[in-house]
Amino acid sequence: MSNQGLVASLVVGAALLALWLDFRLFGQMARSPRRILFHTLAALVATTLVPLPMVALATQHSSARALVALFVFVLPAFVYSFLTWIWLVKLLQSHLRGRAH
């Protein structure tokens, strides 16, 4: 598999996992705009900090370490990021519905 194929699979998989989590945990999402924005910022920070442990683990020298790091650090950060975006979209939809009435 090429690098592009792996990245595409990882991103699509993370998005599908986030959708599944949102569906599975229906009603347990953050409700207030403040909490959703907090989670969105936390997801952004987590995604931004992902390269640090990957460099510390020297993943560029070991395929096995790189693969483990992808599933331990990158995938959870992407899932969390997608999940918070789902929450933001739902929040926006609820505010737009409220203005339409």
PDB file of N, CA and C in Angstrom:
ATOM      1  N   MET A   1       0.852  -1.172   0.000  1.00  0.00           N
ATOM      2  CA  MET A   1       0.000   0.000   0.000  1.00  0.00           C
ATOM      3  C   MET A   1       0.898   1.237   0.000  1.00  0.00           C
ATOM      4  N   SER A   2       0.506   2.207  -0.785  1.00  0.00           N
ATOM      5  CA  SER A   2       1.276   3.442  -0.858  1.00  0.00           C
ATOM      6  C   SER A   2       0.997   4.305   0.374  1.00  0.00           C
ATOM      7  N   ASN A   3       1.856   5.281   0.585  1.00  0.00           N
ATOM      8  CA  ASN A   3       1.662   6.209   1.706  1.00  0.00           C
ATOM      9  C   ASN A   3       0.336   6.952   1.588  1.00  0.00           C
ATOM     10  N   GLN A   4      -0.004   7.351   0.353  1.00  0.00           N
ATOM     11  CA  GLN A   4      -1.254   8.070   0.139  1.00  0.00           C
ATOM     12  C   GLN A   4      -2.452   7.178   0.459  1.00  0.00           C
ATOM     13  N   GLY A   5      -2.371   5.921   0.095  1.00  0.00           N
ATOM     14  CA  GLY A   5      -3.449   4.983   0.389  1.00  0.00           C
ATOM     15  C   GLY A   5      -3.603   4.758   1.881  1.00  0.00           C
ATOM     16  N   LEU A   6      -2.475   4.676   2.584  1.00  0.00           N
ATOM     17  CA  LEU A   6      -2.517   4.492   4.030  1.00  0.00           C
ATOM     18  C   LEU A   6      -3.127   5.708   4.719  1.00  0.00           C
ATOM     19  N   VAL A   7      -2.718   6.891   4.301  1.00  0.00           N
ATOM     20  CA  VAL A   7      -3.254   8.120   4.898  1.00  0.00           C
ATOM     21  C   VAL A   7      -4.752   8.239   4.611  1.00  0.00           C
ATOM     22  N   ALA A   8      -5.145   7.965   3.383  1.00  0.00           N
ATOM     23  CA  ALA A   8      -6.569   8.039   3.028  1.00  0.00           C
ATOM     24  C   ALA A   8      -7.374   7.030   3.844  1.00  0.00           C
ATOM     25  N   SER A   9      -6.859   5.824   3.987  1.00  0.00           N
ATOM     26  CA  SER A   9      -7.552   4.796   4.773  1.00  0.00           C
ATOM     27  C   SER A   9      -7.662   5.203   6.233  1.00  0.00           C
ATOM     28  N   LEU A  10      -6.603   5.786   6.765  1.00  0.00           N
ATOM     29  CA  LEU A  10      -6.598   6.212   8.160  1.00  0.00           C
ATOM     30  C   LEU A  10      -7.612   7.335   8.392  1.00  0.00           C
ATOM     31  N   VAL A  11      -7.655   8.293   7.492  1.00  0.00           N
ATOM     32  CA  VAL A  11      -8.585   9.425   7.638  1.00  0.00           C
ATOM     33  C   VAL A  11     -10.031   8.965   7.475  1.00  0.00           C
ATOM     34  N   VAL A  12     -10.300   8.153   6.463  1.00  0.00           N
ATOM     35  CA  VAL A  12     -11.659   7.652   6.258  1.00  0.00           C
ATOM     36  C   VAL A  12     -12.074   6.769   7.433  1.00  0.00           C
ATOM     37  N   GLY A  13     -11.162   5.919   7.906  1.00  0.00           N
ATOM     38  CA  GLY A  13     -11.455   5.073   9.057  1.00  0.00           C
ATOM     39  C   GLY A  13     -11.752   5.891  10.300  1.00  0.00           C
ATOM     40  N   ALA A  14     -10.978   6.950  10.522  1.00  0.00           N
ATOM     41  CA  ALA A  14     -11.205   7.814  11.681  1.00  0.00           C
ATOM     42  C   ALA A  14     -12.562   8.508  11.583  1.00  0.00           C
ATOM     43  N   ALA A  15     -12.915   8.963  10.393  1.00  0.00           N
ATOM     44  CA  ALA A  15     -14.216   9.625  10.203  1.00  0.00           C
ATOM     45  C   ALA A  15     -15.359   8.640  10.444  1.00  0.00           C
ATOM     46  N   LEU A  16     -15.221   7.422   9.945  1.00  0.00           N
ATOM     47  CA  LEU A  16     -16.260   6.414  10.157  1.00  0.00           C
ATOM     48  C   LEU A  16     -16.367   6.029  11.629  1.00  0.00           C
ATOM     49  N   LEU A  17     -15.236   5.914  12.303  1.00  0.00           N
ATOM     50  CA  LEU A  17     -15.266   5.623  13.745  1.00  0.00           C
ATOM     51  C   LEU A  17     -15.939   6.752  14.515  1.00  0.00           C
ATOM     52  N   ALA A  18     -15.673   7.990  14.134  1.00  0.00           N
ATOM     53  CA  ALA A  18     -16.302   9.136  14.800  1.00  0.00           C
ATOM     54  C   ALA A  18     -17.812   9.122  14.576  1.00  0.00           C
ATOM     55  N   LEU A  19     -18.241   8.825  13.355  1.00  0.00           N
ATOM     56  CA  LEU A  19     -19.675   8.734  13.081  1.00  0.00           C
ATOM     57  C   LEU A  19     -20.313   7.616  13.894  1.00  0.00           C
ATOM     58  N   TRP A  20     -19.634   6.472  13.973  1.00  0.00           N
ATOM     59  CA  TRP A  20     -20.149   5.351  14.742  1.00  0.00           C
ATOM     60  C   TRP A  20     -20.241   5.718  16.228  1.00  0.00           C
ATOM     61  N   LEU A  21     -19.202   6.362  16.756  1.00  0.00           N
ATOM     62  CA  LEU A  21     -19.226   6.777  18.163  1.00  0.00           C
ATOM     63  C   LEU A  21     -20.363   7.754  18.429  1.00  0.00           C
ATOM     64  N   ASP A  22     -20.553   8.697  17.538  1.00  0.00           N
ATOM     65  CA  ASP A  22     -21.629   9.662  17.720  1.00  0.00           C
ATOM     66  C   ASP A  22     -22.983   8.955  17.719  1.00  0.00           C
ATOM     67  N   PHE A  23     -23.159   8.005  16.812  1.00  0.00           N
ATOM     68  CA  PHE A  23     -24.407   7.254  16.748  1.00  0.00           C
ATOM     69  C   PHE A  23     -24.568   6.364  17.986  1.00  0.00           C
ATOM     70  N   ARG A  24     -23.498   5.697  18.363  1.00  0.00           N
ATOM     71  CA  ARG A  24     -23.542   4.752  19.491  1.00  0.00           C
ATOM     72  C   ARG A  24     -23.754   5.466  20.815  1.00  0.00           C
ATOM     73  N   LEU A  25     -23.160   6.613  20.982  1.00  0.00           N
ATOM     74  CA  LEU A  25     -23.254   7.366  22.233  1.00  0.00           C
ATOM     75  C   LEU A  25     -24.270   8.498  22.105  1.00  0.00           C
ATOM     76  N   PHE A  26     -25.293   8.273  21.326  1.00  0.00           N
ATOM     77  CA  PHE A  26     -26.302   9.297  21.075  1.00  0.00           C
ATOM     78  C   PHE A  26     -26.836   9.853  22.395  1.00  0.00           C
ATOM     79  N   GLY A  27     -26.888  11.157  22.482  1.00  0.00           N
ATOM     80  CA  GLY A  27     -27.396  11.794  23.693  1.00  0.00           C
ATOM     81  C   GLY A  27     -26.325  12.069  24.734  1.00  0.00           C
ATOM     82  N   GLN A  28     -25.108  11.599  24.505  1.00  0.00           N
ATOM     83  CA  GLN A  28     -24.049  11.821  25.479  1.00  0.00           C
ATOM     84  C   GLN A  28     -23.009  12.823  24.993  1.00  0.00           C
ATOM     85  N   MET A  29     -23.285  13.468  23.897  1.00  0.00           N
ATOM     86  CA  MET A  29     -22.339  14.463  23.395  1.00  0.00           C
ATOM     87  C   MET A  29     -22.386  15.711  24.273  1.00  0.00           C
ATOM     88  N   ALA A  30     -21.360  16.487  24.168  1.00  0.00           N
ATOM     89  CA  ALA A  30     -21.348  17.766  24.874  1.00  0.00           C
ATOM     90  C   ALA A  30     -22.492  18.611  24.321  1.00  0.00           C
ATOM     91  N   ARG A  31     -23.237  19.243  25.188  1.00  0.00           N
ATOM     92  CA  ARG A  31     -24.424  20.002  24.750  1.00  0.00           C
ATOM     93  C   ARG A  31     -24.180  21.508  24.649  1.00  0.00           C
ATOM     94  N   SER A  32     -23.466  22.048  25.623  1.00  0.00           N
ATOM     95  CA  SER A  32     -23.303  23.499  25.633  1.00  0.00           C
ATOM     96  C   SER A  32     -22.248  23.929  24.606  1.00  0.00           C
ATOM     97  N   PRO A  33     -22.449  25.081  23.995  1.00  0.00           N
ATOM     98  CA  PRO A  33     -21.456  25.579  23.035  1.00  0.00           C
ATOM     99  C   PRO A  33     -20.067  25.703  23.656  1.00  0.00           C
ATOM    100  N   ARG A  34     -20.004  26.090  24.917  1.00  0.00           N
ATOM    101  CA  ARG A  34     -18.707  26.249  25.584  1.00  0.00           C
ATOM    102  C   ARG A  34     -17.973  24.910  25.676  1.00  0.00           C
ATOM    103  N   ARG A  35     -18.682  23.841  26.045  1.00  0.00           N
ATOM    104  CA  ARG A  35     -18.069  22.518  26.162  1.00  0.00           C
ATOM    105  C   ARG A  35     -17.639  21.996  24.796  1.00  0.00           C
ATOM    106  N   ILE A  36     -18.477  22.233  23.799  1.00  0.00           N
ATOM    107  CA  ILE A  36     -18.131  21.770  22.450  1.00  0.00           C
ATOM    108  C   ILE A  36     -16.888  22.500  21.945  1.00  0.00           C
ATOM    109  N   LEU A  37     -16.820  23.800  22.170  1.00  0.00           N
ATOM    110  CA  LEU A  37     -15.627  24.552  21.758  1.00  0.00           C
ATOM    111  C   LEU A  37     -14.398  24.112  22.531  1.00  0.00           C
ATOM    112  N   PHE A  38     -14.566  23.806  23.825  1.00  0.00           N
ATOM    113  CA  PHE A  38     -13.445  23.283  24.615  1.00  0.00           C
ATOM    114  C   PHE A  38     -12.941  21.970  24.015  1.00  0.00           C
ATOM    115  N   HIS A  39     -13.871  21.064  23.700  1.00  0.00           N
ATOM    116  CA  HIS A  39     -13.472  19.780  23.108  1.00  0.00           C
ATOM    117  C   HIS A  39     -12.831  19.973  21.738  1.00  0.00           C
ATOM    118  N   THR A  40     -13.343  20.933  20.976  1.00  0.00           N
ATOM    119  CA  THR A  40     -12.756  21.204  19.660  1.00  0.00           C
ATOM    120  C   THR A  40     -11.324  21.705  19.796  1.00  0.00           C
ATOM    121  N   LEU A  41     -11.098  22.608  20.738  1.00  0.00           N
ATOM    122  CA  LEU A  41      -9.725  23.097  20.966  1.00  0.00           C
ATOM    123  C   LEU A  41      -8.828  21.981  21.484  1.00  0.00           C
ATOM    124  N   ALA A  42      -9.353  21.132  22.363  1.00  0.00           N
ATOM    125  CA  ALA A  42      -8.566  20.005  22.877  1.00  0.00           C
ATOM    126  C   ALA A  42      -8.200  19.046  21.747  1.00  0.00           C
ATOM    127  N   ALA A  43      -9.131  18.802  20.836  1.00  0.00           N
ATOM    128  CA  ALA A  43      -8.846  17.933  19.694  1.00  0.00           C
ATOM    129  C   ALA A  43      -7.802  18.557  18.779  1.00  0.00           C
ATOM    130  N   LEU A  44      -7.887  19.862  18.590  1.00  0.00           N
ATOM    131  CA  LEU A  44      -6.898  20.560  17.767  1.00  0.00           C
ATOM    132  C   LEU A  44      -5.509  20.465  18.398  1.00  0.00           C
ATOM    133  N   VAL A  45      -5.434  20.653  19.698  1.00  0.00           N
ATOM    134  CA  VAL A  45      -4.148  20.537  20.396  1.00  0.00           C
ATOM    135  C   VAL A  45      -3.623  19.109  20.300  1.00  0.00           C
ATOM    136  N   ALA A  46      -4.494  18.129  20.509  1.00  0.00           N
ATOM    137  CA  ALA A  46      -4.067  16.723  20.431  1.00  0.00           C
ATOM    138  C   ALA A  46      -3.537  16.389  19.043  1.00  0.00           C
ATOM    139  N   THR A  47      -4.237  16.846  18.018  1.00  0.00           N
ATOM    140  CA  THR A  47      -3.797  16.579  16.650  1.00  0.00           C
ATOM    141  C   THR A  47      -2.480  17.297  16.344  1.00  0.00           C
ATOM    142  N   THR A  48      -2.316  18.483  16.893  1.00  0.00           N
ATOM    143  CA  THR A  48      -1.088  19.243  16.665  1.00  0.00           C
ATOM    144  C   THR A  48       0.106  18.604  17.373  1.00  0.00           C
ATOM    145  N   LEU A  49      -0.124  18.011  18.540  1.00  0.00           N
ATOM    146  CA  LEU A  49       0.967  17.437  19.318  1.00  0.00           C
ATOM    147  C   LEU A  49       1.318  15.999  18.932  1.00  0.00           C
ATOM    148  N   VAL A  50       0.558  15.381  18.040  1.00  0.00           N
ATOM    149  CA  VAL A  50       0.803  13.994  17.648  1.00  0.00           C
ATOM    150  C   VAL A  50       2.230  13.757  17.136  1.00  0.00           C
ATOM    151  N   PRO A  51       2.824  14.648  16.363  1.00  0.00           N
ATOM    152  CA  PRO A  51       4.175  14.361  15.872  1.00  0.00           C
ATOM    153  C   PRO A  51       5.242  14.239  16.969  1.00  0.00           C
ATOM    154  N   LEU A  52       5.024  14.868  18.117  1.00  0.00           N
ATOM    155  CA  LEU A  52       6.053  14.827  19.170  1.00  0.00           C
ATOM    156  C   LEU A  52       6.369  13.409  19.652  1.00  0.00           C
ATOM    157  N   PRO A  53       5.376  12.607  20.057  1.00  0.00           N
ATOM    158  CA  PRO A  53       5.736  11.248  20.478  1.00  0.00           C
ATOM    159  C   PRO A  53       6.225  10.389  19.318  1.00  0.00           C
ATOM    160  N   MET A  54       5.780  10.696  18.107  1.00  0.00           N
ATOM    161  CA  MET A  54       6.247   9.908  16.969  1.00  0.00           C
ATOM    162  C   MET A  54       7.731  10.147  16.715  1.00  0.00           C
ATOM    163  N   VAL A  55       8.162  11.385  16.864  1.00  0.00           N
ATOM    164  CA  VAL A  55       9.588  11.686  16.709  1.00  0.00           C
ATOM    165  C   VAL A  55      10.375  11.089  17.867  1.00  0.00           C
ATOM    166  N   ALA A  56       9.824  11.189  19.082  1.00  0.00           N
ATOM    167  CA  ALA A  56      10.501  10.640  20.260  1.00  0.00           C
ATOM    168  C   ALA A  56      10.668   9.126  20.155  1.00  0.00           C
ATOM    169  N   LEU A  57       9.731   8.457  19.518  1.00  0.00           N
ATOM    170  CA  LEU A  57       9.817   7.005  19.350  1.00  0.00           C
ATOM    171  C   LEU A  57      10.654   6.607  18.142  1.00  0.00           C
ATOM    172  N   ALA A  58      11.176   7.577  17.432  1.00  0.00           N
ATOM    173  CA  ALA A  58      12.006   7.346  16.237  1.00  0.00           C
ATOM    174  C   ALA A  58      11.279   6.451  15.241  1.00  0.00           C
ATOM    175  N   THR A  59      10.042   6.802  14.953  1.00  0.00           N
ATOM    176  CA  THR A  59       9.229   5.992  14.046  1.00  0.00           C
ATOM    177  C   THR A  59       9.756   5.998  12.614  1.00  0.00           C
ATOM    178  N   GLN A  60      10.576   6.985  12.274  1.00  0.00           N
ATOM    179  CA  GLN A  60      11.120   7.023  10.919  1.00  0.00           C
ATOM    180  C   GLN A  60      12.134   5.907  10.675  1.00  0.00           C
ATOM    181  N   HIS A  61      12.619   5.268  11.758  1.00  0.00           N
ATOM    182  CA  HIS A  61      13.618   4.203  11.626  1.00  0.00           C
ATOM    183  C   HIS A  61      13.014   2.810  11.731  1.00  0.00           C
ATOM    184  N   SER A  62      11.745   2.709  12.089  1.00  0.00           N
ATOM    185  CA  SER A  62      11.136   1.399  12.289  1.00  0.00           C
ATOM    186  C   SER A  62       9.695   1.408  11.791  1.00  0.00           C
ATOM    187  N   SER A  63       9.426   0.539  10.837  1.00  0.00           N
ATOM    188  CA  SER A  63       8.066   0.441  10.307  1.00  0.00           C
ATOM    189  C   SER A  63       7.091  -0.045  11.369  1.00  0.00           C
ATOM    190  N   ALA A  64       7.534  -0.971  12.193  1.00  0.00           N
ATOM    191  CA  ALA A  64       6.656  -1.510  13.238  1.00  0.00           C
ATOM    192  C   ALA A  64       6.280  -0.421  14.238  1.00  0.00           C
ATOM    193  N   ARG A  65       7.264   0.365  14.672  1.00  0.00           N
ATOM    194  CA  ARG A  65       6.971   1.466  15.609  1.00  0.00           C
ATOM    195  C   ARG A  65       6.074   2.510  14.964  1.00  0.00           C
ATOM    196  N   ALA A  66       6.297   2.773  13.695  1.00  0.00           N
ATOM    197  CA  ALA A  66       5.463   3.761  12.991  1.00  0.00           C
ATOM    198  C   ALA A  66       4.016   3.279  12.914  1.00  0.00           C
ATOM    199  N   LEU A  67       3.820   1.999  12.628  1.00  0.00           N
ATOM    200  CA  LEU A  67       2.470   1.460  12.545  1.00  0.00           C
ATOM    201  C   LEU A  67       1.772   1.483  13.901  1.00  0.00           C
ATOM    202  N   VAL A  68       2.498   1.117  14.946  1.00  0.00           N
ATOM    203  CA  VAL A  68       1.929   1.164  16.298  1.00  0.00           C
ATOM    204  C   VAL A  68       1.587   2.608  16.669  1.00  0.00           C
ATOM    205  N   ALA A  69       2.484   3.534  16.366  1.00  0.00           N
ATOM    206  CA  ALA A  69       2.243   4.948  16.680  1.00  0.00           C
ATOM    207  C   ALA A  69       1.031   5.484  15.925  1.00  0.00           C
ATOM    208  N   LEU A  70       0.829   5.014  14.690  1.00  0.00           N
ATOM    209  CA  LEU A  70      -0.348   5.450  13.937  1.00  0.00           C
ATOM    210  C   LEU A  70      -1.637   5.067  14.651  1.00  0.00           C
ATOM    211  N   PHE A  71      -1.680   3.853  15.192  1.00  0.00           N
ATOM    212  CA  PHE A  71      -2.907   3.390  15.843  1.00  0.00           C
ATOM    213  C   PHE A  71      -3.028   3.858  17.282  1.00  0.00           C
ATOM    214  N   VAL A  72      -1.917   4.199  17.923  1.00  0.00           N
ATOM    215  CA  VAL A  72      -1.965   4.638  19.322  1.00  0.00           C
ATOM    216  C   VAL A  72      -2.119   6.153  19.435  1.00  0.00           C
ATOM    217  N   PHE A  73      -1.517   6.904  18.539  1.00  0.00           N
ATOM    218  CA  PHE A  73      -1.537   8.370  18.643  1.00  0.00           C
ATOM    219  C   PHE A  73      -2.377   9.045  17.556  1.00  0.00           C
ATOM    220  N   VAL A  74      -2.135   8.702  16.309  1.00  0.00           N
ATOM    221  CA  VAL A  74      -2.761   9.417  15.196  1.00  0.00           C
ATOM    222  C   VAL A  74      -4.243   9.097  15.084  1.00  0.00           C
ATOM    223  N   LEU A  75      -4.596   7.815  15.054  1.00  0.00           N
ATOM    224  CA  LEU A  75      -6.003   7.448  14.888  1.00  0.00           C
ATOM    225  C   LEU A  75      -6.895   8.019  15.992  1.00  0.00           C
ATOM    226  N   PRO A  76      -6.549   7.883  17.281  1.00  0.00           N
ATOM    227  CA  PRO A  76      -7.410   8.484  18.309  1.00  0.00           C
ATOM    228  C   PRO A  76      -7.536  10.005  18.182  1.00  0.00           C
ATOM    229  N   ALA A  77      -6.444  10.676  17.831  1.00  0.00           N
ATOM    230  CA  ALA A  77      -6.505  12.131  17.682  1.00  0.00           C
ATOM    231  C   ALA A  77      -7.421  12.510  16.525  1.00  0.00           C
ATOM    232  N   PHE A  78      -7.351  11.773  15.429  1.00  0.00           N
ATOM    233  CA  PHE A  78      -8.228  12.049  14.288  1.00  0.00           C
ATOM    234  C   PHE A  78      -9.685  11.755  14.630  1.00  0.00           C
ATOM    235  N   VAL A  79      -9.939  10.645  15.305  1.00  0.00           N
ATOM    236  CA  VAL A  79     -11.314  10.303  15.682  1.00  0.00           C
ATOM    237  C   VAL A  79     -11.889  11.402  16.572  1.00  0.00           C
ATOM    238  N   TYR A  80     -11.113  11.826  17.566  1.00  0.00           N
ATOM    239  CA  TYR A  80     -11.566  12.888  18.475  1.00  0.00           C
ATOM    240  C   TYR A  80     -11.830  14.178  17.700  1.00  0.00           C
ATOM    241  N   SER A  81     -10.969  14.492  16.767  1.00  0.00           N
ATOM    242  CA  SER A  81     -11.147  15.696  15.962  1.00  0.00           C
ATOM    243  C   SER A  81     -12.423  15.613  15.120  1.00  0.00           C
ATOM    244  N   PHE A  82     -12.628  14.498  14.447  1.00  0.00           N
ATOM    245  CA  PHE A  82     -13.843  14.335  13.643  1.00  0.00           C
ATOM    246  C   PHE A  82     -15.089  14.359  14.528  1.00  0.00           C
ATOM    247  N   LEU A  83     -15.011  13.743  15.697  1.00  0.00           N
ATOM    248  CA  LEU A  83     -16.156  13.714  16.598  1.00  0.00           C
ATOM    249  C   LEU A  83     -16.545  15.120  17.040  1.00  0.00           C
ATOM    250  N   THR A  84     -15.558  15.936  17.356  1.00  0.00           N
ATOM    251  CA  THR A  84     -15.873  17.303  17.768  1.00  0.00           C
ATOM    252  C   THR A  84     -16.444  18.115  16.603  1.00  0.00           C
ATOM    253  N   TRP A  85     -16.015  17.825  15.383  1.00  0.00           N
ATOM    254  CA  TRP A  85     -16.589  18.516  14.224  1.00  0.00           C
ATOM    255  C   TRP A  85     -18.037  18.094  14.016  1.00  0.00           C
ATOM    256  N   ILE A  86     -18.342  16.824  14.268  1.00  0.00           N
ATOM    257  CA  ILE A  86     -19.741  16.380  14.198  1.00  0.00           C
ATOM    258  C   ILE A  86     -20.569  17.156  15.217  1.00  0.00           C
ATOM    259  N   TRP A  87     -20.039  17.310  16.424  1.00  0.00           N
ATOM    260  CA  TRP A  87     -20.741  18.063  17.465  1.00  0.00           C
ATOM    261  C   TRP A  87     -20.926  19.521  17.051  1.00  0.00           C
ATOM    262  N   LEU A  88     -19.899  20.107  16.440  1.00  0.00           N
ATOM    263  CA  LEU A  88     -20.027  21.497  15.978  1.00  0.00           C
ATOM    264  C   LEU A  88     -21.111  21.637  14.913  1.00  0.00           C
ATOM    265  N   VAL A  89     -21.170  20.695  13.994  1.00  0.00           N
ATOM    266  CA  VAL A  89     -22.194  20.740  12.949  1.00  0.00           C
ATOM    267  C   VAL A  89     -23.580  20.613  13.573  1.00  0.00           C
ATOM    268  N   LYS A  90     -23.738  19.694  14.536  1.00  0.00           N
ATOM    269  CA  LYS A  90     -25.028  19.539  15.209  1.00  0.00           C
ATOM    270  C   LYS A  90     -25.407  20.808  15.974  1.00  0.00           C
ATOM    271  N   LEU A  91     -24.429  21.425  16.622  1.00  0.00           N
ATOM    272  CA  LEU A  91     -24.686  22.676  17.341  1.00  0.00           C
ATOM    273  C   LEU A  91     -25.136  23.759  16.368  1.00  0.00           C
ATOM    274  N   LEU A  92     -24.460  23.887  15.250  1.00  0.00           N
ATOM    275  CA  LEU A  92     -24.834  24.866  14.237  1.00  0.00           C
ATOM    276  C   LEU A  92     -26.230  24.587  13.688  1.00  0.00           C
ATOM    277  N   GLN A  93     -26.534  23.316  13.440  1.00  0.00           N
ATOM    278  CA  GLN A  93     -27.865  22.964  12.956  1.00  0.00           C
ATOM    279  C   GLN A  93     -28.947  23.345  13.969  1.00  0.00           C
ATOM    280  N   SER A  94     -28.684  23.085  15.246  1.00  0.00           N
ATOM    281  CA  SER A  94     -29.696  23.410  16.263  1.00  0.00           C
ATOM    282  C   SER A  94     -29.898  24.925  16.362  1.00  0.00           C
ATOM    283  N   HIS A  95     -28.833  25.695  16.226  1.00  0.00           N
ATOM    284  CA  HIS A  95     -28.970  27.157  16.261  1.00  0.00           C
ATOM    285  C   HIS A  95     -29.688  27.680  15.025  1.00  0.00           C
ATOM    286  N   LEU A  96     -29.426  27.083  13.882  1.00  0.00           N
ATOM    287  CA  LEU A  96     -30.097  27.519  12.650  1.00  0.00           C
ATOM    288  C   LEU A  96     -31.569  27.145  12.670  1.00  0.00           C
ATOM    289  N   ARG A  97     -31.895  25.979  13.221  1.00  0.00           N
ATOM    290  CA  ARG A  97     -33.289  25.595  13.359  1.00  0.00           C
ATOM    291  C   ARG A  97     -34.028  26.535  14.287  1.00  0.00           C
ATOM    292  N   GLY A  98     -33.359  26.954  15.358  1.00  0.00           N
ATOM    293  CA  GLY A  98     -33.961  27.868  16.311  1.00  0.00           C
ATOM    294  C   GLY A  98     -34.258  29.223  15.698  1.00  0.00           C
ATOM    295  N   ARG A  99     -33.418  29.664  14.764  1.00  0.00           N
ATOM    296  CA  ARG A  99     -33.634  30.962  14.114  1.00  0.00           C
ATOM    297  C   ARG A  99     -34.699  30.876  13.027  1.00  0.00           C
ATOM    298  N   ALA A 100     -34.904  29.701  12.449  1.00  0.00           N
ATOM    299  CA  ALA A 100     -35.870  29.557  11.362  1.00  0.00           C
ATOM    300  C   ALA A 100     -37.300  29.624  11.878  1.00  0.00           C
ATOM    301  N   HIS A 101     -37.523  29.276  13.110  1.00  0.00           N
ATOM    302  CA  HIS A 101     -38.889  29.283  13.655  1.00  0.00           C
ATOM    303  C   HIS A 101     -39.290  30.638  14.091  1.00  0.00           C
TER     304      HIS A 101
END
